[in-house]
Amino acid sequence: MSIAAATETARRLLPAVKKLRDVLLAKSLELRTSSRLGGLICRMLRAHLWARVSAWVNMLDRDGARIAVALDGLYDLAIGGTAVGTGLNAHPELPNERRGRLRS
């Protein structure tokens, strides 16, 4: 387990991706519901930009899910001193003691 990578991913990366997604979603809705008058080219440009921003929102949704799945793999922990995490020849209370230290 990479405690630093898991912590930073959970505390900083995932919230940052969600915040960016929310900002882009708001902009997308603003472009979609915009009723400003304008020429044909302005309306086409807004429609094109709305499609692009909506695609970015969709990608961030999927990427956030991928990051969460990858984060799950970071939590696997091979505790040293016991034949690389097998627990062979370890004291029966070792896993509970280590979990307590990691939580604090």
PDB file of N, CA and C in Angstrom:
ATOM      1  N   MET A   1       0.838  -1.182   0.000  1.00  0.00           N
ATOM      2  CA  MET A   1       0.000   0.000   0.000  1.00  0.00           C
ATOM      3  C   MET A   1       0.874   1.233   0.000  1.00  0.00           C
ATOM      4  N   SER A   2       0.507   2.162  -0.781  1.00  0.00           N
ATOM      5  CA  SER A   2       1.188   3.440  -0.767  1.00  0.00           C
ATOM      6  C   SER A   2       0.287   4.425  -0.036  1.00  0.00           C
ATOM      7  N   ILE A   3       0.548   4.599   1.224  1.00  0.00           N
ATOM      8  CA  ILE A   3      -0.328   5.420   2.062  1.00  0.00           C
ATOM      9  C   ILE A   3      -0.384   6.858   1.555  1.00  0.00           C
ATOM     10  N   ALA A   4       0.752   7.402   1.168  1.00  0.00           N
ATOM     11  CA  ALA A   4       0.777   8.785   0.688  1.00  0.00           C
ATOM     12  C   ALA A   4      -0.045   8.931  -0.596  1.00  0.00           C
ATOM     13  N   ALA A   5       0.111   7.995  -1.528  1.00  0.00           N
ATOM     14  CA  ALA A   5      -0.643   8.070  -2.785  1.00  0.00           C
ATOM     15  C   ALA A   5      -2.135   7.926  -2.537  1.00  0.00           C
ATOM     16  N   ALA A   6      -2.508   6.994  -1.677  1.00  0.00           N
ATOM     17  CA  ALA A   6      -3.930   6.795  -1.384  1.00  0.00           C
ATOM     18  C   ALA A   6      -4.523   8.014  -0.692  1.00  0.00           C
ATOM     19  N   THR A   7      -3.791   8.572   0.248  1.00  0.00           N
ATOM     20  CA  THR A   7      -4.282   9.733   0.982  1.00  0.00           C
ATOM     21  C   THR A   7      -4.447  10.936   0.063  1.00  0.00           C
ATOM     22  N   GLU A   8      -3.439  11.224  -0.723  1.00  0.00           N
ATOM     23  CA  GLU A   8      -3.510  12.378  -1.622  1.00  0.00           C
ATOM     24  C   GLU A   8      -4.585  12.205  -2.692  1.00  0.00           C
ATOM     25  N   THR A   9      -4.736  10.989  -3.176  1.00  0.00           N
ATOM     26  CA  THR A   9      -5.772  10.729  -4.177  1.00  0.00           C
ATOM     27  C   THR A   9      -7.149  10.949  -3.582  1.00  0.00           C
ATOM     28  N   ALA A  10      -7.384  10.417  -2.398  1.00  0.00           N
ATOM     29  CA  ALA A  10      -8.699  10.536  -1.773  1.00  0.00           C
ATOM     30  C   ALA A  10      -8.990  11.960  -1.299  1.00  0.00           C
ATOM     31  N   ARG A  11      -7.998  12.634  -0.775  1.00  0.00           N
ATOM     32  CA  ARG A  11      -8.223  13.963  -0.189  1.00  0.00           C
ATOM     33  C   ARG A  11      -8.124  15.105  -1.182  1.00  0.00           C
ATOM     34  N   ARG A  12      -7.307  14.942  -2.232  1.00  0.00           N
ATOM     35  CA  ARG A  12      -7.084  16.078  -3.126  1.00  0.00           C
ATOM     36  C   ARG A  12      -7.509  15.826  -4.569  1.00  0.00           C
ATOM     37  N   LEU A  13      -7.099  14.690  -5.135  1.00  0.00           N
ATOM     38  CA  LEU A  13      -7.355  14.475  -6.561  1.00  0.00           C
ATOM     39  C   LEU A  13      -8.836  14.280  -6.861  1.00  0.00           C
ATOM     40  N   LEU A  14      -9.486  13.370  -6.160  1.00  0.00           N
ATOM     41  CA  LEU A  14     -10.909  13.123  -6.430  1.00  0.00           C
ATOM     42  C   LEU A  14     -11.772  14.363  -6.207  1.00  0.00           C
ATOM     43  N   PRO A  15     -11.575  15.124  -5.114  1.00  0.00           N
ATOM     44  CA  PRO A  15     -12.361  16.355  -4.977  1.00  0.00           C
ATOM     45  C   PRO A  15     -12.060  17.390  -6.069  1.00  0.00           C
ATOM     46  N   ALA A  16     -10.810  17.468  -6.516  1.00  0.00           N
ATOM     47  CA  ALA A  16     -10.467  18.418  -7.573  1.00  0.00           C
ATOM     48  C   ALA A  16     -11.130  18.033  -8.899  1.00  0.00           C
ATOM     49  N   VAL A  17     -11.151  16.742  -9.201  1.00  0.00           N
ATOM     50  CA  VAL A  17     -11.817  16.282 -10.426  1.00  0.00           C
ATOM     51  C   VAL A  17     -13.308  16.579 -10.350  1.00  0.00           C
ATOM     52  N   LYS A  18     -13.912  16.344  -9.190  1.00  0.00           N
ATOM     53  CA  LYS A  18     -15.341  16.619  -9.025  1.00  0.00           C
ATOM     54  C   LYS A  18     -15.637  18.110  -9.149  1.00  0.00           C
ATOM     55  N   LYS A  19     -14.782  18.940  -8.566  1.00  0.00           N
ATOM     56  CA  LYS A  19     -14.983  20.389  -8.643  1.00  0.00           C
ATOM     57  C   LYS A  19     -14.881  20.873 -10.088  1.00  0.00           C
ATOM     58  N   LEU A  20     -13.884  20.396 -10.820  1.00  0.00           N
ATOM     59  CA  LEU A  20     -13.737  20.759 -12.225  1.00  0.00           C
ATOM     60  C   LEU A  20     -14.946  20.304 -13.024  1.00  0.00           C
ATOM     61  N   ARG A  21     -15.423  19.094 -12.753  1.00  0.00           N
ATOM     62  CA  ARG A  21     -16.602  18.571 -13.435  1.00  0.00           C
ATOM     63  C   ARG A  21     -17.825  19.440 -13.172  1.00  0.00           C
ATOM     64  N   ASP A  22     -18.007  19.845 -11.913  1.00  0.00           N
ATOM     65  CA  ASP A  22     -19.157  20.675 -11.559  1.00  0.00           C
ATOM     66  C   ASP A  22     -19.114  22.046 -12.230  1.00  0.00           C
ATOM     67  N   VAL A  23     -17.926  22.638 -12.299  1.00  0.00           N
ATOM     68  CA  VAL A  23     -17.770  23.933 -12.967  1.00  0.00           C
ATOM     69  C   VAL A  23     -18.085  23.798 -14.452  1.00  0.00           C
ATOM     70  N   LEU A  24     -17.560  22.759 -15.083  1.00  0.00           N
ATOM     71  CA  LEU A  24     -17.824  22.556 -16.508  1.00  0.00           C
ATOM     72  C   LEU A  24     -19.297  22.244 -16.766  1.00  0.00           C
ATOM     73  N   LEU A  25     -19.931  21.493 -15.860  1.00  0.00           N
ATOM     74  CA  LEU A  25     -21.351  21.200 -16.017  1.00  0.00           C
ATOM     75  C   LEU A  25     -22.180  22.478 -15.944  1.00  0.00           C
ATOM     76  N   ALA A  26     -21.850  23.358 -15.007  1.00  0.00           N
ATOM     77  CA  ALA A  26     -22.567  24.629 -14.900  1.00  0.00           C
ATOM     78  C   ALA A  26     -22.397  25.449 -16.173  1.00  0.00           C
ATOM     79  N   LYS A  27     -21.188  25.475 -16.701  1.00  0.00           N
ATOM     80  CA  LYS A  27     -20.937  26.219 -17.942  1.00  0.00           C
ATOM     81  C   LYS A  27     -21.696  25.591 -19.103  1.00  0.00           C
ATOM     82  N   SER A  28     -21.732  24.276 -19.132  1.00  0.00           N
ATOM     83  CA  SER A  28     -22.453  23.571 -20.184  1.00  0.00           C
ATOM     84  C   SER A  28     -23.941  23.910 -20.142  1.00  0.00           C
ATOM     85  N   LEU A  29     -24.517  23.904 -18.945  1.00  0.00           N
ATOM     86  CA  LEU A  29     -25.935  24.246 -18.816  1.00  0.00           C
ATOM     87  C   LEU A  29     -26.192  25.699 -19.188  1.00  0.00           C
ATOM     88  N   GLU A  30     -25.243  26.552 -18.848  1.00  0.00           N
ATOM     89  CA  GLU A  30     -25.371  27.965 -19.224  1.00  0.00           C
ATOM     90  C   GLU A  30     -25.367  28.124 -20.742  1.00  0.00           C
ATOM     91  N   LEU A  31     -24.482  27.406 -21.405  1.00  0.00           N
ATOM     92  CA  LEU A  31     -24.425  27.480 -22.871  1.00  0.00           C
ATOM     93  C   LEU A  31     -25.677  26.874 -23.498  1.00  0.00           C
ATOM     94  N   ARG A  32     -26.173  25.810 -22.898  1.00  0.00           N
ATOM     95  CA  ARG A  32     -27.338  25.110 -23.444  1.00  0.00           C
ATOM     96  C   ARG A  32     -28.605  25.955 -23.332  1.00  0.00           C
ATOM     97  N   THR A  33     -28.761  26.627 -22.205  1.00  0.00           N
ATOM     98  CA  THR A  33     -29.993  27.386 -21.974  1.00  0.00           C
ATOM     99  C   THR A  33     -29.873  28.847 -22.365  1.00  0.00           C
ATOM    100  N   SER A  34     -28.757  29.216 -22.918  1.00  0.00           N
ATOM    101  CA  SER A  34     -28.553  30.608 -23.318  1.00  0.00           C
ATOM    102  C   SER A  34     -29.568  30.977 -24.389  1.00  0.00           C
ATOM    103  N   SER A  35     -30.290  32.059 -24.143  1.00  0.00           N
ATOM    104  CA  SER A  35     -31.308  32.490 -25.110  1.00  0.00           C
ATOM    105  C   SER A  35     -30.948  33.838 -25.718  1.00  0.00           C
ATOM    106  N   ARG A  36     -29.679  34.163 -25.673  1.00  0.00           N
ATOM    107  CA  ARG A  36     -29.258  35.434 -26.243  1.00  0.00           C
ATOM    108  C   ARG A  36     -29.491  35.432 -27.746  1.00  0.00           C
ATOM    109  N   LEU A  37     -29.905  36.569 -28.206  1.00  0.00           N
ATOM    110  CA  LEU A  37     -30.070  36.706 -29.651  1.00  0.00           C
ATOM    111  C   LEU A  37     -28.699  36.865 -30.277  1.00  0.00           C
ATOM    112  N   GLY A  38     -28.591  36.431 -31.465  1.00  0.00           N
ATOM    113  CA  GLY A  38     -27.331  36.550 -32.165  1.00  0.00           C
ATOM    114  C   GLY A  38     -27.482  35.982 -33.551  1.00  0.00           C
ATOM    115  N   GLY A  39     -26.477  36.169 -34.302  1.00  0.00           N
ATOM    116  CA  GLY A  39     -26.516  35.654 -35.652  1.00  0.00           C
ATOM    117  C   GLY A  39     -26.381  34.145 -35.675  1.00  0.00           C
ATOM    118  N   LEU A  40     -26.529  33.602 -36.847  1.00  0.00           N
ATOM    119  CA  LEU A  40     -26.452  32.159 -37.021  1.00  0.00           C
ATOM    120  C   LEU A  40     -25.105  31.616 -36.564  1.00  0.00           C
ATOM    121  N   ILE A  41     -24.049  32.324 -36.880  1.00  0.00           N
ATOM    122  CA  ILE A  41     -22.709  31.850 -36.512  1.00  0.00           C
ATOM    123  C   ILE A  41     -22.542  31.831 -34.997  1.00  0.00           C
ATOM    124  N   CYS A  42     -23.063  32.836 -34.301  1.00  0.00           N
ATOM    125  CA  CYS A  42     -22.973  32.857 -32.826  1.00  0.00           C
ATOM    126  C   CYS A  42     -23.733  31.690 -32.222  1.00  0.00           C
ATOM    127  N   ARG A  43     -24.933  31.408 -32.730  1.00  0.00           N
ATOM    128  CA  ARG A  43     -25.716  30.295 -32.210  1.00  0.00           C
ATOM    129  C   ARG A  43     -25.024  28.965 -32.484  1.00  0.00           C
ATOM    130  N   MET A  44     -24.446  28.829 -33.671  1.00  0.00           N
ATOM    131  CA  MET A  44     -23.740  27.591 -34.010  1.00  0.00           C
ATOM    132  C   MET A  44     -22.503  27.424 -33.127  1.00  0.00           C
ATOM    133  N   LEU A  45     -21.809  28.515 -32.874  1.00  0.00           N
ATOM    134  CA  LEU A  45     -20.622  28.458 -32.025  1.00  0.00           C
ATOM    135  C   LEU A  45     -20.992  28.035 -30.604  1.00  0.00           C
ATOM    136  N   ARG A  46     -22.090  28.595 -30.057  1.00  0.00           N
ATOM    137  CA  ARG A  46     -22.533  28.208 -28.722  1.00  0.00           C
ATOM    138  C   ARG A  46     -22.913  26.724 -28.684  1.00  0.00           C
ATOM    139  N   ALA A  47     -23.593  26.247 -29.720  1.00  0.00           N
ATOM    140  CA  ALA A  47     -23.984  24.834 -29.769  1.00  0.00           C
ATOM    141  C   ALA A  47     -22.756  23.935 -29.835  1.00  0.00           C
ATOM    142  N   HIS A  48     -21.775  24.338 -30.626  1.00  0.00           N
ATOM    143  CA  HIS A  48     -20.543  23.552 -30.746  1.00  0.00           C
ATOM    144  C   HIS A  48     -19.793  23.543 -29.411  1.00  0.00           C
ATOM    145  N   LEU A  49     -19.697  24.699 -28.775  1.00  0.00           N
ATOM    146  CA  LEU A  49     -19.000  24.793 -27.494  1.00  0.00           C
ATOM    147  C   LEU A  49     -19.736  23.995 -26.427  1.00  0.00           C
ATOM    148  N   TRP A  50     -21.084  24.034 -26.446  1.00  0.00           N
ATOM    149  CA  TRP A  50     -21.862  23.241 -25.495  1.00  0.00           C
ATOM    150  C   TRP A  50     -21.550  21.752 -25.657  1.00  0.00           C
ATOM    151  N   ALA A  51     -21.473  21.282 -26.897  1.00  0.00           N
ATOM    152  CA  ALA A  51     -21.179  19.870 -27.146  1.00  0.00           C
ATOM    153  C   ALA A  51     -19.792  19.503 -26.621  1.00  0.00           C
ATOM    154  N   ARG A  52     -18.828  20.375 -26.839  1.00  0.00           N
ATOM    155  CA  ARG A  52     -17.469  20.107 -26.354  1.00  0.00           C
ATOM    156  C   ARG A  52     -17.414  20.035 -24.834  1.00  0.00           C
ATOM    157  N   VAL A  53     -17.998  21.028 -24.183  1.00  0.00           N
ATOM    158  CA  VAL A  53     -17.946  21.084 -22.725  1.00  0.00           C
ATOM    159  C   VAL A  53     -18.708  19.901 -22.129  1.00  0.00           C
ATOM    160  N   SER A  54     -19.831  19.527 -22.726  1.00  0.00           N
ATOM    161  CA  SER A  54     -20.585  18.366 -22.248  1.00  0.00           C
ATOM    162  C   SER A  54     -19.757  17.089 -22.375  1.00  0.00           C
ATOM    163  N   ALA A  55     -18.995  16.979 -23.450  1.00  0.00           N
ATOM    164  CA  ALA A  55     -18.122  15.808 -23.619  1.00  0.00           C
ATOM    165  C   ALA A  55     -17.048  15.778 -22.537  1.00  0.00           C
ATOM    166  N   TRP A  56     -16.522  16.943 -22.182  1.00  0.00           N
ATOM    167  CA  TRP A  56     -15.514  16.993 -21.115  1.00  0.00           C
ATOM    168  C   TRP A  56     -16.116  16.553 -19.785  1.00  0.00           C
ATOM    169  N   VAL A  57     -17.353  16.976 -19.515  1.00  0.00           N
ATOM    170  CA  VAL A  57     -18.032  16.563 -18.285  1.00  0.00           C
ATOM    171  C   VAL A  57     -18.172  15.042 -18.254  1.00  0.00           C
ATOM    172  N   ASN A  58     -18.579  14.477 -19.377  1.00  0.00           N
ATOM    173  CA  ASN A  58     -18.730  13.021 -19.481  1.00  0.00           C
ATOM    174  C   ASN A  58     -17.397  12.317 -19.240  1.00  0.00           C
ATOM    175  N   MET A  59     -16.329  12.832 -19.814  1.00  0.00           N
ATOM    176  CA  MET A  59     -15.009  12.224 -19.619  1.00  0.00           C
ATOM    177  C   MET A  59     -14.578  12.306 -18.155  1.00  0.00           C
ATOM    178  N   LEU A  60     -14.842  13.439 -17.496  1.00  0.00           N
ATOM    179  CA  LEU A  60     -14.464  13.572 -16.089  1.00  0.00           C
ATOM    180  C   LEU A  60     -15.272  12.626 -15.209  1.00  0.00           C
ATOM    181  N   ASP A  61     -16.525  12.384 -15.563  1.00  0.00           N
ATOM    182  CA  ASP A  61     -17.322  11.397 -14.826  1.00  0.00           C
ATOM    183  C   ASP A  61     -16.664  10.022 -14.895  1.00  0.00           C
ATOM    184  N   ARG A  62     -16.307   9.623 -16.107  1.00  0.00           N
ATOM    185  CA  ARG A  62     -15.686   8.301 -16.284  1.00  0.00           C
ATOM    186  C   ARG A  62     -14.306   8.241 -15.650  1.00  0.00           C
ATOM    187  N   ASP A  63     -13.532   9.324 -15.768  1.00  0.00           N
ATOM    188  CA  ASP A  63     -12.188   9.332 -15.196  1.00  0.00           C
ATOM    189  C   ASP A  63     -12.230   9.286 -13.668  1.00  0.00           C
ATOM    190  N   GLY A  64     -13.205   9.962 -13.073  1.00  0.00           N
ATOM    191  CA  GLY A  64     -13.356   9.904 -11.619  1.00  0.00           C
ATOM    192  C   GLY A  64     -13.635   8.484 -11.154  1.00  0.00           C
ATOM    193  N   ALA A  65     -14.460   7.779 -11.918  1.00  0.00           N
ATOM    194  CA  ALA A  65     -14.751   6.379 -11.573  1.00  0.00           C
ATOM    195  C   ALA A  65     -13.500   5.517 -11.715  1.00  0.00           C
ATOM    196  N   ARG A  66     -12.713   5.768 -12.747  1.00  0.00           N
ATOM    197  CA  ARG A  66     -11.470   5.007 -12.929  1.00  0.00           C
ATOM    198  C   ARG A  66     -10.484   5.266 -11.795  1.00  0.00           C
ATOM    199  N   ILE A  67     -10.388   6.510 -11.373  1.00  0.00           N
ATOM    200  CA  ILE A  67      -9.489   6.856 -10.270  1.00  0.00           C
ATOM    201  C   ILE A  67      -9.934   6.148  -9.001  1.00  0.00           C
ATOM    202  N   ALA A  68     -11.239   6.118  -8.755  1.00  0.00           N
ATOM    203  CA  ALA A  68     -11.763   5.441  -7.560  1.00  0.00           C
ATOM    204  C   ALA A  68     -11.435   3.950  -7.588  1.00  0.00           C
ATOM    205  N   VAL A  69     -11.521   3.331  -8.758  1.00  0.00           N
ATOM    206  CA  VAL A  69     -11.182   1.911  -8.875  1.00  0.00           C
ATOM    207  C   VAL A  69      -9.688   1.706  -8.621  1.00  0.00           C
ATOM    208  N   ALA A  70      -8.862   2.579  -9.180  1.00  0.00           N
ATOM    209  CA  ALA A  70      -7.411   2.468  -8.967  1.00  0.00           C
ATOM    210  C   ALA A  70      -7.065   2.708  -7.500  1.00  0.00           C
ATOM    211  N   LEU A  71      -7.803   3.601  -6.853  1.00  0.00           N
ATOM    212  CA  LEU A  71      -7.568   3.888  -5.444  1.00  0.00           C
ATOM    213  C   LEU A  71      -7.803   2.649  -4.592  1.00  0.00           C
ATOM    214  N   ASP A  72      -8.784   1.862  -4.955  1.00  0.00           N
ATOM    215  CA  ASP A  72      -9.068   0.631  -4.217  1.00  0.00           C
ATOM    216  C   ASP A  72      -7.846  -0.295  -4.204  1.00  0.00           C
ATOM    217  N   GLY A  73      -7.104  -0.355  -5.306  1.00  0.00           N
ATOM    218  CA  GLY A  73      -5.904  -1.188  -5.375  1.00  0.00           C
ATOM    219  C   GLY A  73      -4.761  -0.669  -4.517  1.00  0.00           C
ATOM    220  N   LEU A  74      -4.767   0.635  -4.229  1.00  0.00           N
ATOM    221  CA  LEU A  74      -3.701   1.192  -3.391  1.00  0.00           C
ATOM    222  C   LEU A  74      -3.850   0.790  -1.925  1.00  0.00           C
ATOM    223  N   TYR A  75      -5.030   0.351  -1.553  1.00  0.00           N
ATOM    224  CA  TYR A  75      -5.258   0.003  -0.154  1.00  0.00           C
ATOM    225  C   TYR A  75      -4.759  -1.386   0.211  1.00  0.00           C
ATOM    226  N   ASP A  76      -4.356  -2.200  -0.762  1.00  0.00           N
ATOM    227  CA  ASP A  76      -3.790  -3.513  -0.442  1.00  0.00           C
ATOM    228  C   ASP A  76      -2.487  -3.295   0.308  1.00  0.00           C
ATOM    229  N   LEU A  77      -2.335  -3.989   1.409  1.00  0.00           N
ATOM    230  CA  LEU A  77      -1.199  -3.746   2.283  1.00  0.00           C
ATOM    231  C   LEU A  77      -0.468  -5.041   2.601  1.00  0.00           C
ATOM    232  N   ALA A  78       0.810  -5.082   2.255  1.00  0.00           N
ATOM    233  CA  ALA A  78       1.662  -6.203   2.643  1.00  0.00           C
ATOM    234  C   ALA A  78       2.515  -5.709   3.810  1.00  0.00           C
ATOM    235  N   ILE A  79       2.173  -6.146   5.008  1.00  0.00           N
ATOM    236  CA  ILE A  79       2.881  -5.679   6.198  1.00  0.00           C
ATOM    237  C   ILE A  79       4.200  -6.427   6.315  1.00  0.00           C
ATOM    238  N   GLY A  80       5.279  -5.695   6.436  1.00  0.00           N
ATOM    239  CA  GLY A  80       6.611  -6.285   6.486  1.00  0.00           C
ATOM    240  C   GLY A  80       6.852  -7.101   7.749  1.00  0.00           C
ATOM    241  N   GLY A  81       7.864  -7.941   7.689  1.00  0.00           N
ATOM    242  CA  GLY A  81       8.261  -8.740   8.837  1.00  0.00           C
ATOM    243  C   GLY A  81       7.509 -10.054   8.944  1.00  0.00           C
ATOM    244  N   THR A  82       6.657 -10.368   7.983  1.00  0.00           N
ATOM    245  CA  THR A  82       5.875 -11.603   8.061  1.00  0.00           C
ATOM    246  C   THR A  82       5.877 -12.316   6.714  1.00  0.00           C
ATOM    247  N   ALA A  83       7.021 -12.531   6.151  1.00  0.00           N
ATOM    248  CA  ALA A  83       7.142 -13.190   4.850  1.00  0.00           C
ATOM    249  C   ALA A  83       6.270 -12.471   3.813  1.00  0.00           C
ATOM    250  N   VAL A  84       6.505 -11.186   3.668  1.00  0.00           N
ATOM    251  CA  VAL A  84       5.851 -10.310   2.695  1.00  0.00           C
ATOM    252  C   VAL A  84       4.332 -10.389   2.763  1.00  0.00           C
ATOM    253  N   GLY A  85       3.800 -10.143   3.941  1.00  0.00           N
ATOM    254  CA  GLY A  85       2.362  -9.995   4.081  1.00  0.00           C
ATOM    255  C   GLY A  85       1.558 -11.264   4.175  1.00  0.00           C
ATOM    256  N   THR A  86       2.195 -12.426   4.241  1.00  0.00           N
ATOM    257  CA  THR A  86       1.441 -13.677   4.336  1.00  0.00           C
ATOM    258  C   THR A  86       0.925 -13.926   5.734  1.00  0.00           C
ATOM    259  N   GLY A  87       1.565 -13.318   6.722  1.00  0.00           N
ATOM    260  CA  GLY A  87       1.184 -13.567   8.106  1.00  0.00           C
ATOM    261  C   GLY A  87       1.877 -14.777   8.700  1.00  0.00           C
ATOM    262  N   LEU A  88       2.746 -15.408   7.926  1.00  0.00           N
ATOM    263  CA  LEU A  88       3.465 -16.588   8.389  1.00  0.00           C
ATOM    264  C   LEU A  88       4.356 -16.215   9.571  1.00  0.00           C
ATOM    265  N   ASN A  89       4.243 -16.959  10.657  1.00  0.00           N
ATOM    266  CA  ASN A  89       5.029 -16.764  11.880  1.00  0.00           C
ATOM    267  C   ASN A  89       4.757 -15.425  12.566  1.00  0.00           C
ATOM    268  N   ALA A  90       3.644 -14.795  12.263  1.00  0.00           N
ATOM    269  CA  ALA A  90       3.315 -13.520  12.904  1.00  0.00           C
ATOM    270  C   ALA A  90       2.463 -13.754  14.137  1.00  0.00           C
ATOM    271  N   HIS A  91       2.560 -12.837  15.062  1.00  0.00           N
ATOM    272  CA  HIS A  91       1.723 -12.887  16.260  1.00  0.00           C
ATOM    273  C   HIS A  91       0.257 -12.687  15.832  1.00  0.00           C
ATOM    274  N   PRO A  92      -0.691 -13.386  16.446  1.00  0.00           N
ATOM    275  CA  PRO A  92      -2.097 -13.284  16.036  1.00  0.00           C
ATOM    276  C   PRO A  92      -2.674 -11.872  16.133  1.00  0.00           C
ATOM    277  N   GLU A  93      -2.124 -11.030  17.001  1.00  0.00           N
ATOM    278  CA  GLU A  93      -2.650  -9.668  17.165  1.00  0.00           C
ATOM    279  C   GLU A  93      -1.958  -8.659  16.247  1.00  0.00           C
ATOM    280  N   LEU A  94      -0.989  -9.087  15.457  1.00  0.00           N
ATOM    281  CA  LEU A  94      -0.244  -8.158  14.610  1.00  0.00           C
ATOM    282  C   LEU A  94      -1.146  -7.384  13.642  1.00  0.00           C
ATOM    283  N   PRO A  95      -2.066  -8.024  12.920  1.00  0.00           N
ATOM    284  CA  PRO A  95      -2.904  -7.237  11.992  1.00  0.00           C
ATOM    285  C   PRO A  95      -3.720  -6.154  12.692  1.00  0.00           C
ATOM    286  N   ASN A  96      -4.297  -6.461  13.848  1.00  0.00           N
ATOM    287  CA  ASN A  96      -5.092  -5.462  14.573  1.00  0.00           C
ATOM    288  C   ASN A  96      -4.228  -4.305  15.058  1.00  0.00           C
ATOM    289  N   GLU A  97      -3.038  -4.628  15.525  1.00  0.00           N
ATOM    290  CA  GLU A  97      -2.129  -3.590  16.011  1.00  0.00           C
ATOM    291  C   GLU A  97      -1.707  -2.669  14.867  1.00  0.00           C
ATOM    292  N   ARG A  98      -1.389  -3.242  13.713  1.00  0.00           N
ATOM    293  CA  ARG A  98      -0.965  -2.426  12.568  1.00  0.00           C
ATOM    294  C   ARG A  98      -2.108  -1.563  12.036  1.00  0.00           C
ATOM    295  N   ARG A  99      -3.301  -2.142  11.990  1.00  0.00           N
ATOM    296  CA  ARG A  99      -4.463  -1.349  11.546  1.00  0.00           C
ATOM    297  C   ARG A  99      -4.697  -0.152  12.457  1.00  0.00           C
ATOM    298  N   GLY A 100      -4.527  -0.369  13.753  1.00  0.00           N
ATOM    299  CA  GLY A 100      -4.694   0.731  14.704  1.00  0.00           C
ATOM    300  C   GLY A 100      -3.682   1.841  14.468  1.00  0.00           C
ATOM    301  N   ARG A 101      -2.445   1.472  14.164  1.00  0.00           N
ATOM    302  CA  ARG A 101      -1.418   2.482  13.883  1.00  0.00           C
ATOM    303  C   ARG A 101      -1.717   3.228  12.591  1.00  0.00           C
ATOM    304  N   LEU A 102      -2.194   2.519  11.574  1.00  0.00           N
ATOM    305  CA  LEU A 102      -2.469   3.170  10.296  1.00  0.00           C
ATOM    306  C   LEU A 102      -3.665   4.125  10.386  1.00  0.00           C
ATOM    307  N   ARG A 103      -4.623   3.797  11.213  1.00  0.00           N
ATOM    308  CA  ARG A 103      -5.800   4.676  11.373  1.00  0.00           C
ATOM    309  C   ARG A 103      -5.445   5.971  12.072  1.00  0.00           C
ATOM    310  N   SER A 104      -4.451   5.939  12.942  1.00  0.00           N
ATOM    311  CA  SER A 104      -4.117   7.158  13.690  1.00  0.00           C
ATOM    312  C   SER A 104      -3.191   8.071  12.930  1.00  0.00           C
TER     313      SER A 104
END
